[in-house]
Amino acid sequence: MSSDDAKSYTIYVKIAQMVAQFGFITTSFFCYILIFLTVFGVSRNFGSYKYLLIIFPTVGIFFATMEVILYPNVYSHNAGYVFYSISHPFNLKKEVVRLLLCFYTGIYASTISLLSVQFLYRYWAIFDETKLRFFKGWRFSFSVIYSIIFGIIWATGILIFDEIDDYSKEYLNPQMIEKYNVDISEISGMAVVAYDSKGSIRWFNISSTFTMTFVMLVQYTIIIYCAYFMYRGMEEKLKMLSLSLRNLHKQFFKTLILQIVLPTITLFSPVILIIYVPFLDIEADLPTGIFLCAFTIYPAMDAIIVMYIVADYKKAAKSEFTNEMPF
């Protein structure tokens, strides 16, 4: 294998790292502004939804931070893929970094779970306001626990089922050395190889795919269900509210619509591609890790959407900016 061929794949790693750094900076900046305006700038009472508007960008900042600490990467080869990191932050041992990679995936699952919670809140705020009691007081912890549980399910599934075994090493290591100049036995990571040497499905190894699919399916079903019925019946329900509340609900609905499109592109689609391509057993070497860098950009885009569409944030931002001006 020539060094030029290896460089052709390592360049994708460098690009992904630069995008991750950009995502960390933009996410930290815009999410901090969103949190600041929610806490100190916006005068309207959003109820318990305010806590979701604070928690979601906070998790986004934490997720982006984990990204630039670990710089996770994915390489797909025929019927398998390896999810790994060559970083050793704080001189941590390889096994500890592997646990952090699992934790990183758990944060991802908690993020998409929090997104579905936001949709459920907006749905109940319009169609069944009495159920908003589940977001008040100590019951608000249910939302957090819900997201954490799905994060644990995701991370645990990867930790248990995706350990790099001898067959995975044999299947993936030659290509890892060839494409990235990396020995799979020296890195922290997890791997999935869908079929064994006889063409039979490796059921234990692909069980993580089922757990990931379950988590995504639950969250996306909630998102689509709430969005569909809000679209169908929102106008009729909003007629009973004041003009101010009608405008606010419409603004949040527009926000949520964009929060369907963007995560579909940046959060759900890359993962679906990575975990299901191995079942096709296509003879192809794909630097699929390049898609992961989109994860760190999404929280920034989400914060921008909220601040741009919801008029209260634009007014608050204008007010804060004007007050800071010395003239």
C-alpha atoms as a PDB file:
ATOM      1  CA  MET A   1       0.000   0.000   0.000  1.00  0.00           C
ATOM      2  CA  SER A   2       1.454   3.374  -1.019  1.00  0.00           C
ATOM      3  CA  SER A   3       1.618   6.267   1.416  1.00  0.00           C
ATOM      4  CA  ASP A   4      -0.418   8.348  -1.065  1.00  0.00           C
ATOM      5  CA  ASP A   5      -3.372   5.970  -0.738  1.00  0.00           C
ATOM      6  CA  ALA A   6      -3.210   6.217   3.044  1.00  0.00           C
ATOM      7  CA  LYS A   7      -3.068  10.003   2.848  1.00  0.00           C
ATOM      8  CA  SER A   8      -6.202  10.010   0.703  1.00  0.00           C
ATOM      9  CA  TYR A   9      -8.153   8.648   3.704  1.00  0.00           C
ATOM     10  CA  THR A  10      -6.378  10.457   6.534  1.00  0.00           C
ATOM     11  CA  ILE A  11      -7.346  13.732   4.867  1.00  0.00           C
ATOM     12  CA  TYR A  12     -10.979  12.915   5.689  1.00  0.00           C
ATOM     13  CA  VAL A  13     -10.005  12.566   9.340  1.00  0.00           C
ATOM     14  CA  LYS A  14      -8.357  15.993   9.295  1.00  0.00           C
ATOM     15  CA  ILE A  15     -11.386  17.553   7.604  1.00  0.00           C
ATOM     16  CA  ALA A  16     -13.719  15.960  10.152  1.00  0.00           C
ATOM     17  CA  GLN A  17     -11.572  17.301  12.994  1.00  0.00           C
ATOM     18  CA  MET A  18     -11.609  20.819  11.563  1.00  0.00           C
ATOM     19  CA  VAL A  19     -15.382  20.712  11.138  1.00  0.00           C
ATOM     20  CA  ALA A  20     -15.720  19.374  14.698  1.00  0.00           C
ATOM     21  CA  GLN A  21     -13.632  22.299  15.968  1.00  0.00           C
ATOM     22  CA  PHE A  22     -15.770  24.722  14.000  1.00  0.00           C
ATOM     23  CA  GLY A  23     -18.886  23.022  15.381  1.00  0.00           C
ATOM     24  CA  PHE A  24     -17.569  23.301  18.937  1.00  0.00           C
ATOM     25  CA  ILE A  25     -16.897  27.036  18.570  1.00  0.00           C
ATOM     26  CA  THR A  26     -20.223  27.851  16.900  1.00  0.00           C
ATOM     27  CA  THR A  27     -22.227  25.587  19.204  1.00  0.00           C
ATOM     28  CA  SER A  28     -20.626  27.037  22.324  1.00  0.00           C
ATOM     29  CA  PHE A  29     -21.190  30.591  21.069  1.00  0.00           C
ATOM     30  CA  PHE A  30     -24.793  30.363  19.864  1.00  0.00           C
ATOM     31  CA  CYS A  31     -25.973  27.975  22.580  1.00  0.00           C
ATOM     32  CA  TYR A  32     -24.532  30.240  25.247  1.00  0.00           C
ATOM     33  CA  ILE A  33     -26.391  33.200  23.727  1.00  0.00           C
ATOM     34  CA  LEU A  34     -29.622  31.174  23.658  1.00  0.00           C
ATOM     35  CA  ILE A  35     -29.185  30.150  27.300  1.00  0.00           C
ATOM     36  CA  PHE A  36     -28.338  33.726  28.330  1.00  0.00           C
ATOM     37  CA  LEU A  37     -31.340  35.215  26.544  1.00  0.00           C
ATOM     38  CA  THR A  38     -33.658  32.520  27.917  1.00  0.00           C
ATOM     39  CA  VAL A  39     -32.532  33.160  31.498  1.00  0.00           C
ATOM     40  CA  PHE A  40     -31.959  36.920  31.479  1.00  0.00           C
ATOM     41  CA  GLY A  41     -33.299  38.429  28.269  1.00  0.00           C
ATOM     42  CA  VAL A  42     -36.738  37.073  27.369  1.00  0.00           C
ATOM     43  CA  SER A  43     -39.468  38.599  29.509  1.00  0.00           C
ATOM     44  CA  ARG A  44     -42.326  36.325  28.430  1.00  0.00           C
ATOM     45  CA  ASN A  45     -43.069  33.360  30.658  1.00  0.00           C
ATOM     46  CA  PHE A  46     -42.576  30.178  28.603  1.00  0.00           C
ATOM     47  CA  GLY A  47     -43.544  27.989  31.534  1.00  0.00           C
ATOM     48  CA  SER A  48     -41.665  24.729  31.936  1.00  0.00           C
ATOM     49  CA  TYR A  49     -40.654  24.895  28.263  1.00  0.00           C
ATOM     50  CA  LYS A  50     -38.047  27.393  29.434  1.00  0.00           C
ATOM     51  CA  TYR A  51     -36.143  24.571  31.131  1.00  0.00           C
ATOM     52  CA  LEU A  52     -36.080  22.568  27.903  1.00  0.00           C
ATOM     53  CA  LEU A  53     -34.768  25.654  26.094  1.00  0.00           C
ATOM     54  CA  ILE A  54     -31.921  25.729  28.624  1.00  0.00           C
ATOM     55  CA  ILE A  55     -31.185  22.010  28.933  1.00  0.00           C
ATOM     56  CA  PHE A  56     -31.077  21.239  25.191  1.00  0.00           C
ATOM     57  CA  PRO A  57     -28.325  23.757  24.284  1.00  0.00           C
ATOM     58  CA  THR A  58     -26.441  22.848  27.480  1.00  0.00           C
ATOM     59  CA  VAL A  59     -26.359  19.204  26.377  1.00  0.00           C
ATOM     60  CA  GLY A  60     -25.357  20.433  22.906  1.00  0.00           C
ATOM     61  CA  ILE A  61     -22.332  22.255  24.316  1.00  0.00           C
ATOM     62  CA  PHE A  62     -21.346  19.196  26.347  1.00  0.00           C
ATOM     63  CA  PHE A  63     -21.743  16.946  23.294  1.00  0.00           C
ATOM     64  CA  ALA A  64     -19.585  19.243  21.150  1.00  0.00           C
ATOM     65  CA  THR A  65     -16.965  19.324  23.908  1.00  0.00           C
ATOM     66  CA  MET A  66     -16.812  15.521  23.996  1.00  0.00           C
ATOM     67  CA  GLU A  67     -16.409  15.547  20.224  1.00  0.00           C
ATOM     68  CA  VAL A  68     -13.285  17.716  20.274  1.00  0.00           C
ATOM     69  CA  ILE A  69     -11.828  15.765  23.204  1.00  0.00           C
ATOM     70  CA  LEU A  70     -12.252  12.342  21.607  1.00  0.00           C
ATOM     71  CA  TYR A  71     -12.365  13.130  17.863  1.00  0.00           C
ATOM     72  CA  PRO A  72     -14.316   9.919  17.131  1.00  0.00           C
ATOM     73  CA  ASN A  73     -14.110   8.471  13.648  1.00  0.00           C
ATOM     74  CA  VAL A  74     -15.868   5.729  11.668  1.00  0.00           C
ATOM     75  CA  TYR A  75     -14.513   3.617   8.836  1.00  0.00           C
ATOM     76  CA  SER A  76     -16.840   1.326   6.869  1.00  0.00           C
ATOM     77  CA  HIS A  77     -15.474  -1.655   4.978  1.00  0.00           C
ATOM     78  CA  ASN A  78     -17.793  -4.020   3.089  1.00  0.00           C
ATOM     79  CA  ALA A  79     -19.947  -5.750   5.754  1.00  0.00           C
ATOM     80  CA  GLY A  80     -18.464  -3.977   8.733  1.00  0.00           C
ATOM     81  CA  TYR A  81     -17.483  -0.721  10.343  1.00  0.00           C
ATOM     82  CA  VAL A  82     -15.245   0.390  13.187  1.00  0.00           C
ATOM     83  CA  PHE A  83     -16.059   3.310  15.477  1.00  0.00           C
ATOM     84  CA  TYR A  84     -12.855   4.461  17.122  1.00  0.00           C
ATOM     85  CA  SER A  85     -10.630   7.189  18.474  1.00  0.00           C
ATOM     86  CA  ILE A  86      -6.875   7.496  18.274  1.00  0.00           C
ATOM     87  CA  SER A  87      -6.902  10.237  20.920  1.00  0.00           C
ATOM     88  CA  HIS A  88      -5.702   9.655  24.461  1.00  0.00           C
ATOM     89  CA  PRO A  89      -6.973  12.747  26.286  1.00  0.00           C
ATOM     90  CA  PHE A  90      -5.432  13.383  29.708  1.00  0.00           C
ATOM     91  CA  ASN A  91      -3.235  10.293  29.108  1.00  0.00           C
ATOM     92  CA  LEU A  92      -6.192   8.030  29.715  1.00  0.00           C
ATOM     93  CA  LYS A  93      -5.864   4.315  29.107  1.00  0.00           C
ATOM     94  CA  LYS A  94      -7.277   2.735  25.974  1.00  0.00           C
ATOM     95  CA  GLU A  95     -10.135   1.029  27.828  1.00  0.00           C
ATOM     96  CA  VAL A  96     -11.158   4.289  29.520  1.00  0.00           C
ATOM     97  CA  VAL A  97     -11.272   6.054  26.147  1.00  0.00           C
ATOM     98  CA  ARG A  98     -13.465   3.214  24.882  1.00  0.00           C
ATOM     99  CA  LEU A  99     -15.885   3.859  27.745  1.00  0.00           C
ATOM    100  CA  LEU A 100     -15.863   7.564  26.894  1.00  0.00           C
ATOM    101  CA  LEU A 101     -16.740   6.722  23.295  1.00  0.00           C
ATOM    102  CA  CYS A 102     -19.743   4.766  24.574  1.00  0.00           C
ATOM    103  CA  PHE A 103     -20.636   7.716  26.803  1.00  0.00           C
ATOM    104  CA  TYR A 104     -20.367  10.001  23.770  1.00  0.00           C
ATOM    105  CA  THR A 105     -22.899   7.881  21.894  1.00  0.00           C
ATOM    106  CA  GLY A 106     -25.154   7.960  24.946  1.00  0.00           C
ATOM    107  CA  ILE A 107     -25.127  11.767  24.860  1.00  0.00           C
ATOM    108  CA  TYR A 108     -26.167  11.580  21.214  1.00  0.00           C
ATOM    109  CA  ALA A 109     -29.130   9.350  22.112  1.00  0.00           C
ATOM    110  CA  SER A 110     -30.105  11.665  24.990  1.00  0.00           C
ATOM    111  CA  THR A 111     -29.969  14.621  22.587  1.00  0.00           C
ATOM    112  CA  ILE A 112     -32.442  13.136  20.119  1.00  0.00           C
ATOM    113  CA  SER A 113     -34.613  12.024  23.063  1.00  0.00           C
ATOM    114  CA  LEU A 114     -34.719  15.589  24.390  1.00  0.00           C
ATOM    115  CA  LEU A 115     -35.757  16.713  20.931  1.00  0.00           C
ATOM    116  CA  SER A 116     -38.768  14.387  20.996  1.00  0.00           C
ATOM    117  CA  VAL A 117     -39.640  15.690  24.485  1.00  0.00           C
ATOM    118  CA  GLN A 118     -39.786  19.216  23.048  1.00  0.00           C
ATOM    119  CA  PHE A 119     -42.216  18.074  20.384  1.00  0.00           C
ATOM    120  CA  LEU A 120     -44.386  16.345  22.981  1.00  0.00           C
ATOM    121  CA  TYR A 121     -44.484  19.487  25.123  1.00  0.00           C
ATOM    122  CA  ARG A 122     -45.584  21.688  22.217  1.00  0.00           C
ATOM    123  CA  TYR A 123     -48.210  19.107  21.198  1.00  0.00           C
ATOM    124  CA  TRP A 124     -49.711  18.956  24.682  1.00  0.00           C
ATOM    125  CA  ALA A 125     -49.525  22.765  25.023  1.00  0.00           C
ATOM    126  CA  ILE A 126     -51.943  23.034  22.094  1.00  0.00           C
ATOM    127  CA  PHE A 127     -54.123  19.920  22.329  1.00  0.00           C
ATOM    128  CA  ASP A 128     -54.092  18.752  25.955  1.00  0.00           C
ATOM    129  CA  GLU A 129     -52.806  21.426  28.292  1.00  0.00           C
ATOM    130  CA  THR A 130     -53.695  19.405  31.392  1.00  0.00           C
ATOM    131  CA  LYS A 131     -50.877  16.972  30.565  1.00  0.00           C
ATOM    132  CA  LEU A 132     -48.344  19.772  30.947  1.00  0.00           C
ATOM    133  CA  ARG A 133     -48.483  18.922  34.654  1.00  0.00           C
ATOM    134  CA  PHE A 134     -45.876  16.281  33.832  1.00  0.00           C
ATOM    135  CA  PHE A 135     -43.467  19.127  33.071  1.00  0.00           C
ATOM    136  CA  LYS A 136     -44.133  21.105  36.265  1.00  0.00           C
ATOM    137  CA  GLY A 137     -42.264  20.926  39.544  1.00  0.00           C
ATOM    138  CA  TRP A 138     -40.547  17.681  40.404  1.00  0.00           C
ATOM    139  CA  ARG A 139     -42.339  15.911  37.533  1.00  0.00           C
ATOM    140  CA  PHE A 140     -40.109  17.775  35.085  1.00  0.00           C
ATOM    141  CA  SER A 141     -37.398  15.309  36.119  1.00  0.00           C
ATOM    142  CA  PHE A 142     -39.338  12.666  34.136  1.00  0.00           C
ATOM    143  CA  SER A 143     -38.224  14.410  30.933  1.00  0.00           C
ATOM    144  CA  VAL A 144     -34.593  14.317  31.990  1.00  0.00           C
ATOM    145  CA  ILE A 145     -34.798  10.720  33.217  1.00  0.00           C
ATOM    146  CA  TYR A 146     -36.518   9.704  29.958  1.00  0.00           C
ATOM    147  CA  SER A 147     -33.626  11.116  27.930  1.00  0.00           C
ATOM    148  CA  ILE A 148     -30.990   9.590  30.203  1.00  0.00           C
ATOM    149  CA  ILE A 149     -32.605   6.137  30.017  1.00  0.00           C
ATOM    150  CA  PHE A 150     -32.439   6.084  26.225  1.00  0.00           C
ATOM    151  CA  GLY A 151     -28.864   7.340  26.396  1.00  0.00           C
ATOM    152  CA  ILE A 152     -27.994   4.436  28.697  1.00  0.00           C
ATOM    153  CA  ILE A 153     -29.761   1.928  26.422  1.00  0.00           C
ATOM    154  CA  TRP A 154     -27.773   3.167  23.418  1.00  0.00           C
ATOM    155  CA  ALA A 155     -24.395   3.326  25.158  1.00  0.00           C
ATOM    156  CA  THR A 156     -24.832  -0.023  26.919  1.00  0.00           C
ATOM    157  CA  GLY A 157     -25.805  -1.754  23.681  1.00  0.00           C
ATOM    158  CA  ILE A 158     -22.633  -0.558  21.991  1.00  0.00           C
ATOM    159  CA  LEU A 159     -20.466  -1.395  24.998  1.00  0.00           C
ATOM    160  CA  ILE A 160     -21.771  -4.969  25.281  1.00  0.00           C
ATOM    161  CA  PHE A 161     -22.320  -6.016  21.675  1.00  0.00           C
ATOM    162  CA  ASP A 162     -19.659  -4.095  19.737  1.00  0.00           C
ATOM    163  CA  GLU A 163     -16.458  -5.178  21.426  1.00  0.00           C
ATOM    164  CA  ILE A 164     -13.701  -5.707  18.881  1.00  0.00           C
ATOM    165  CA  ASP A 165     -13.261  -9.483  18.787  1.00  0.00           C
ATOM    166  CA  ASP A 166     -10.723 -11.585  16.889  1.00  0.00           C
ATOM    167  CA  TYR A 167     -12.912 -11.915  13.796  1.00  0.00           C
ATOM    168  CA  SER A 168     -13.502  -8.139  13.642  1.00  0.00           C
ATOM    169  CA  LYS A 169      -9.760  -7.558  13.888  1.00  0.00           C
ATOM    170  CA  GLU A 170      -9.069 -10.061  11.137  1.00  0.00           C
ATOM    171  CA  TYR A 171     -11.759  -8.537   8.928  1.00  0.00           C
ATOM    172  CA  LEU A 172     -11.024  -4.846   9.437  1.00  0.00           C
ATOM    173  CA  ASN A 173      -7.389  -4.509  10.479  1.00  0.00           C
ATOM    174  CA  PRO A 174      -5.710  -4.971   7.060  1.00  0.00           C
ATOM    175  CA  GLN A 175      -7.843  -2.192   5.622  1.00  0.00           C
ATOM    176  CA  MET A 176      -7.331   0.055   8.654  1.00  0.00           C
ATOM    177  CA  ILE A 177      -3.563  -0.252   8.256  1.00  0.00           C
ATOM    178  CA  GLU A 178      -3.836   0.252   4.518  1.00  0.00           C
ATOM    179  CA  LYS A 179      -6.172   3.251   4.581  1.00  0.00           C
ATOM    180  CA  TYR A 180      -5.245   5.008   7.819  1.00  0.00           C
ATOM    181  CA  ASN A 181      -1.885   3.559   8.894  1.00  0.00           C
ATOM    182  CA  VAL A 182      -3.595   2.522  12.135  1.00  0.00           C
ATOM    183  CA  ASP A 183      -3.477  -0.884  13.822  1.00  0.00           C
ATOM    184  CA  ILE A 184      -6.919  -1.724  15.175  1.00  0.00           C
ATOM    185  CA  SER A 185      -5.410  -3.522  18.177  1.00  0.00           C
ATOM    186  CA  GLU A 186      -3.783  -0.259  19.307  1.00  0.00           C
ATOM    187  CA  ILE A 187      -6.836   1.974  19.248  1.00  0.00           C
ATOM    188  CA  SER A 188      -9.899   2.470  21.436  1.00  0.00           C
ATOM    189  CA  GLY A 189     -13.095   1.560  19.692  1.00  0.00           C
ATOM    190  CA  MET A 190     -15.964  -0.735  18.813  1.00  0.00           C
ATOM    191  CA  ALA A 191     -16.679  -2.686  15.670  1.00  0.00           C
ATOM    192  CA  VAL A 192     -19.546  -4.368  13.870  1.00  0.00           C
ATOM    193  CA  VAL A 193     -19.146  -7.043  11.203  1.00  0.00           C
ATOM    194  CA  ALA A 194     -22.555  -8.203  10.018  1.00  0.00           C
ATOM    195  CA  TYR A 195     -21.554 -11.588   8.519  1.00  0.00           C
ATOM    196  CA  ASP A 196     -19.033 -14.277   9.384  1.00  0.00           C
ATOM    197  CA  SER A 197     -16.729 -16.068   6.936  1.00  0.00           C
ATOM    198  CA  LYS A 198     -19.563 -18.433   5.940  1.00  0.00           C
ATOM    199  CA  GLY A 199     -21.987 -15.607   5.207  1.00  0.00           C
ATOM    200  CA  SER A 200     -24.104 -16.152   8.336  1.00  0.00           C
ATOM    201  CA  ILE A 201     -25.332 -13.176  10.342  1.00  0.00           C
ATOM    202  CA  ARG A 202     -23.351 -12.458  13.504  1.00  0.00           C
ATOM    203  CA  TRP A 203     -26.431 -11.950  15.655  1.00  0.00           C
ATOM    204  CA  PHE A 204     -24.678 -10.972  18.865  1.00  0.00           C
ATOM    205  CA  ASN A 205     -22.535  -8.347  17.179  1.00  0.00           C
ATOM    206  CA  ILE A 206     -25.424  -6.734  15.279  1.00  0.00           C
ATOM    207  CA  SER A 207     -27.669  -6.631  18.348  1.00  0.00           C
ATOM    208  CA  SER A 208     -26.392  -3.093  18.928  1.00  0.00           C
ATOM    209  CA  THR A 209     -27.980  -2.166  15.604  1.00  0.00           C
ATOM    210  CA  PHE A 210     -31.341  -3.278  16.984  1.00  0.00           C
ATOM    211  CA  THR A 211     -30.925  -1.202  20.156  1.00  0.00           C
ATOM    212  CA  MET A 212     -29.919   1.877  18.172  1.00  0.00           C
ATOM    213  CA  THR A 213     -32.809   1.380  15.760  1.00  0.00           C
ATOM    214  CA  PHE A 214     -35.223   1.026  18.687  1.00  0.00           C
ATOM    215  CA  VAL A 215     -34.063   4.294  20.263  1.00  0.00           C
ATOM    216  CA  MET A 216     -34.212   6.231  16.990  1.00  0.00           C
ATOM    217  CA  LEU A 217     -37.571   4.727  16.048  1.00  0.00           C
ATOM    218  CA  VAL A 218     -39.187   5.708  19.356  1.00  0.00           C
ATOM    219  CA  GLN A 219     -37.929   9.293  19.173  1.00  0.00           C
ATOM    220  CA  TYR A 220     -38.665   9.816  15.486  1.00  0.00           C
ATOM    221  CA  THR A 221     -42.157   8.320  15.864  1.00  0.00           C
ATOM    222  CA  ILE A 222     -42.947  10.809  18.637  1.00  0.00           C
ATOM    223  CA  ILE A 223     -41.549  13.675  16.567  1.00  0.00           C
ATOM    224  CA  ILE A 224     -43.491  12.799  13.402  1.00  0.00           C
ATOM    225  CA  TYR A 225     -46.715  12.003  15.299  1.00  0.00           C
ATOM    226  CA  CYS A 226     -46.713  15.304  17.170  1.00  0.00           C
ATOM    227  CA  ALA A 227     -45.704  17.320  14.109  1.00  0.00           C
ATOM    228  CA  TYR A 228     -48.370  15.728  11.901  1.00  0.00           C
ATOM    229  CA  PHE A 229     -51.264  16.278  14.291  1.00  0.00           C
ATOM    230  CA  MET A 230     -50.098  19.795  15.142  1.00  0.00           C
ATOM    231  CA  TYR A 231     -50.122  20.565  11.430  1.00  0.00           C
ATOM    232  CA  ARG A 232     -53.575  19.034  11.004  1.00  0.00           C
ATOM    233  CA  GLY A 233     -55.330  20.612  13.967  1.00  0.00           C
ATOM    234  CA  MET A 234     -53.340  23.581  15.168  1.00  0.00           C
ATOM    235  CA  GLU A 235     -55.279  26.309  13.355  1.00  0.00           C
ATOM    236  CA  GLU A 236     -58.602  25.246  14.868  1.00  0.00           C
ATOM    237  CA  LYS A 237     -57.181  25.013  18.377  1.00  0.00           C
ATOM    238  CA  LEU A 238     -55.357  28.330  18.177  1.00  0.00           C
ATOM    239  CA  LYS A 239     -58.584  30.215  17.421  1.00  0.00           C
ATOM    240  CA  MET A 240     -59.494  29.838  21.094  1.00  0.00           C
ATOM    241  CA  LEU A 241     -56.283  31.559  22.248  1.00  0.00           C
ATOM    242  CA  SER A 242     -55.276  35.213  22.389  1.00  0.00           C
ATOM    243  CA  LEU A 243     -53.474  36.763  19.429  1.00  0.00           C
ATOM    244  CA  SER A 244     -50.215  36.879  21.389  1.00  0.00           C
ATOM    245  CA  LEU A 245     -50.354  33.178  22.282  1.00  0.00           C
ATOM    246  CA  ARG A 246     -51.403  32.254  18.730  1.00  0.00           C
ATOM    247  CA  ASN A 247     -48.351  33.983  17.328  1.00  0.00           C
ATOM    248  CA  LEU A 248     -46.084  32.337  19.904  1.00  0.00           C
ATOM    249  CA  HIS A 249     -47.384  28.833  19.179  1.00  0.00           C
ATOM    250  CA  LYS A 250     -47.037  29.420  15.428  1.00  0.00           C
ATOM    251  CA  GLN A 251     -43.455  30.583  15.916  1.00  0.00           C
ATOM    252  CA  PHE A 252     -42.595  27.518  17.983  1.00  0.00           C
ATOM    253  CA  PHE A 253     -44.303  25.298  15.402  1.00  0.00           C
ATOM    254  CA  LYS A 254     -42.159  26.773  12.617  1.00  0.00           C
ATOM    255  CA  THR A 255     -39.156  26.144  14.840  1.00  0.00           C
ATOM    256  CA  LEU A 256     -40.171  22.533  15.376  1.00  0.00           C
ATOM    257  CA  ILE A 257     -40.683  21.956  11.645  1.00  0.00           C
ATOM    258  CA  LEU A 258     -37.095  23.019  11.022  1.00  0.00           C
ATOM    259  CA  GLN A 259     -36.168  20.844  13.990  1.00  0.00           C
ATOM    260  CA  ILE A 260     -37.513  17.891  11.997  1.00  0.00           C
ATOM    261  CA  VAL A 261     -35.658  18.664   8.782  1.00  0.00           C
ATOM    262  CA  LEU A 262     -32.256  19.492  10.299  1.00  0.00           C
ATOM    263  CA  PRO A 263     -31.928  16.518  12.673  1.00  0.00           C
ATOM    264  CA  THR A 264     -33.161  14.203   9.923  1.00  0.00           C
ATOM    265  CA  ILE A 265     -30.228  15.362   7.810  1.00  0.00           C
ATOM    266  CA  THR A 266     -27.568  15.872  10.477  1.00  0.00           C
ATOM    267  CA  LEU A 267     -28.482  13.441  13.294  1.00  0.00           C
ATOM    268  CA  PHE A 268     -30.590  10.533  12.044  1.00  0.00           C
ATOM    269  CA  SER A 269     -29.514   9.968   8.425  1.00  0.00           C
ATOM    270  CA  PRO A 270     -25.736   9.655   9.067  1.00  0.00           C
ATOM    271  CA  VAL A 271     -26.272   7.060  11.803  1.00  0.00           C
ATOM    272  CA  ILE A 272     -28.775   5.076   9.712  1.00  0.00           C
ATOM    273  CA  LEU A 273     -26.302   5.043   6.829  1.00  0.00           C
ATOM    274  CA  ILE A 274     -23.423   3.872   9.016  1.00  0.00           C
ATOM    275  CA  ILE A 275     -25.240   1.068  10.854  1.00  0.00           C
ATOM    276  CA  TYR A 276     -27.170  -0.357   7.878  1.00  0.00           C
ATOM    277  CA  VAL A 277     -24.644  -0.232   5.028  1.00  0.00           C
ATOM    278  CA  PRO A 278     -22.833  -3.348   6.402  1.00  0.00           C
ATOM    279  CA  PHE A 279     -25.953  -5.467   5.814  1.00  0.00           C
ATOM    280  CA  LEU A 280     -25.669  -4.749   2.080  1.00  0.00           C
ATOM    281  CA  ASP A 281     -22.129  -6.177   2.099  1.00  0.00           C
ATOM    282  CA  ILE A 282     -21.093  -3.875  -0.694  1.00  0.00           C
ATOM    283  CA  GLU A 283     -17.437  -4.046  -1.667  1.00  0.00           C
ATOM    284  CA  ALA A 284     -16.600  -0.503  -0.709  1.00  0.00           C
ATOM    285  CA  ASP A 285     -14.343   1.394   1.642  1.00  0.00           C
ATOM    286  CA  LEU A 286     -16.116   4.471   2.981  1.00  0.00           C
ATOM    287  CA  PRO A 287     -14.720   7.163   5.318  1.00  0.00           C
ATOM    288  CA  THR A 288     -18.140   7.423   6.969  1.00  0.00           C
ATOM    289  CA  GLY A 289     -16.649   9.245   9.951  1.00  0.00           C
ATOM    290  CA  ILE A 290     -16.886  12.420   7.895  1.00  0.00           C
ATOM    291  CA  PHE A 291     -20.638  12.381   8.606  1.00  0.00           C
ATOM    292  CA  LEU A 292     -20.141  12.468  12.378  1.00  0.00           C
ATOM    293  CA  CYS A 293     -18.779  15.998  12.289  1.00  0.00           C
ATOM    294  CA  ALA A 294     -22.282  17.242  11.446  1.00  0.00           C
ATOM    295  CA  PHE A 295     -23.345  16.291  14.975  1.00  0.00           C
ATOM    296  CA  THR A 296     -21.471  19.191  16.569  1.00  0.00           C
ATOM    297  CA  ILE A 297     -22.946  21.728  14.138  1.00  0.00           C
ATOM    298  CA  TYR A 298     -26.575  20.804  14.814  1.00  0.00           C
ATOM    299  CA  PRO A 299     -26.883  22.368  18.314  1.00  0.00           C
ATOM    300  CA  ALA A 300     -25.620  25.666  16.897  1.00  0.00           C
ATOM    301  CA  MET A 301     -28.134  25.540  14.038  1.00  0.00           C
ATOM    302  CA  ASP A 302     -30.901  24.648  16.484  1.00  0.00           C
ATOM    303  CA  ALA A 303     -30.067  27.661  18.667  1.00  0.00           C
ATOM    304  CA  ILE A 304     -29.990  29.951  15.617  1.00  0.00           C
ATOM    305  CA  ILE A 305     -33.405  28.663  14.500  1.00  0.00           C
ATOM    306  CA  VAL A 306     -35.006  29.387  17.884  1.00  0.00           C
ATOM    307  CA  MET A 307     -33.491  32.863  18.154  1.00  0.00           C
ATOM    308  CA  TYR A 308     -34.350  33.782  14.564  1.00  0.00           C
ATOM    309  CA  ILE A 309     -37.956  32.571  14.419  1.00  0.00           C
ATOM    310  CA  VAL A 310     -39.247  33.279  17.936  1.00  0.00           C
ATOM    311  CA  ALA A 311     -39.818  37.042  18.048  1.00  0.00           C
ATOM    312  CA  ASP A 312     -39.221  37.287  21.804  1.00  0.00           C
ATOM    313  CA  TYR A 313     -35.596  36.278  21.296  1.00  0.00           C
ATOM    314  CA  LYS A 314     -35.023  38.819  18.560  1.00  0.00           C
ATOM    315  CA  LYS A 315     -36.460  41.543  20.798  1.00  0.00           C
ATOM    316  CA  ALA A 316     -34.372  40.363  23.753  1.00  0.00           C
ATOM    317  CA  ALA A 317     -31.194  40.219  21.677  1.00  0.00           C
ATOM    318  CA  LYS A 318     -31.822  43.688  20.276  1.00  0.00           C
ATOM    319  CA  SER A 319     -32.495  45.005  23.769  1.00  0.00           C
ATOM    320  CA  GLU A 320     -29.351  43.442  25.246  1.00  0.00           C
ATOM    321  CA  PHE A 321     -27.218  44.673  22.361  1.00  0.00           C
ATOM    322  CA  THR A 322     -28.635  48.209  22.602  1.00  0.00           C
ATOM    323  CA  ASN A 323     -28.049  48.332  26.361  1.00  0.00           C
ATOM    324  CA  GLU A 324     -24.423  47.290  25.899  1.00  0.00           C
ATOM    325  CA  MET A 325     -23.752  50.030  23.340  1.00  0.00           C
ATOM    326  CA  PRO A 326     -21.920  52.993  24.903  1.00  0.00           C
ATOM    327  CA  PHE A 327     -23.807  55.495  22.728  1.00  0.00           C
END
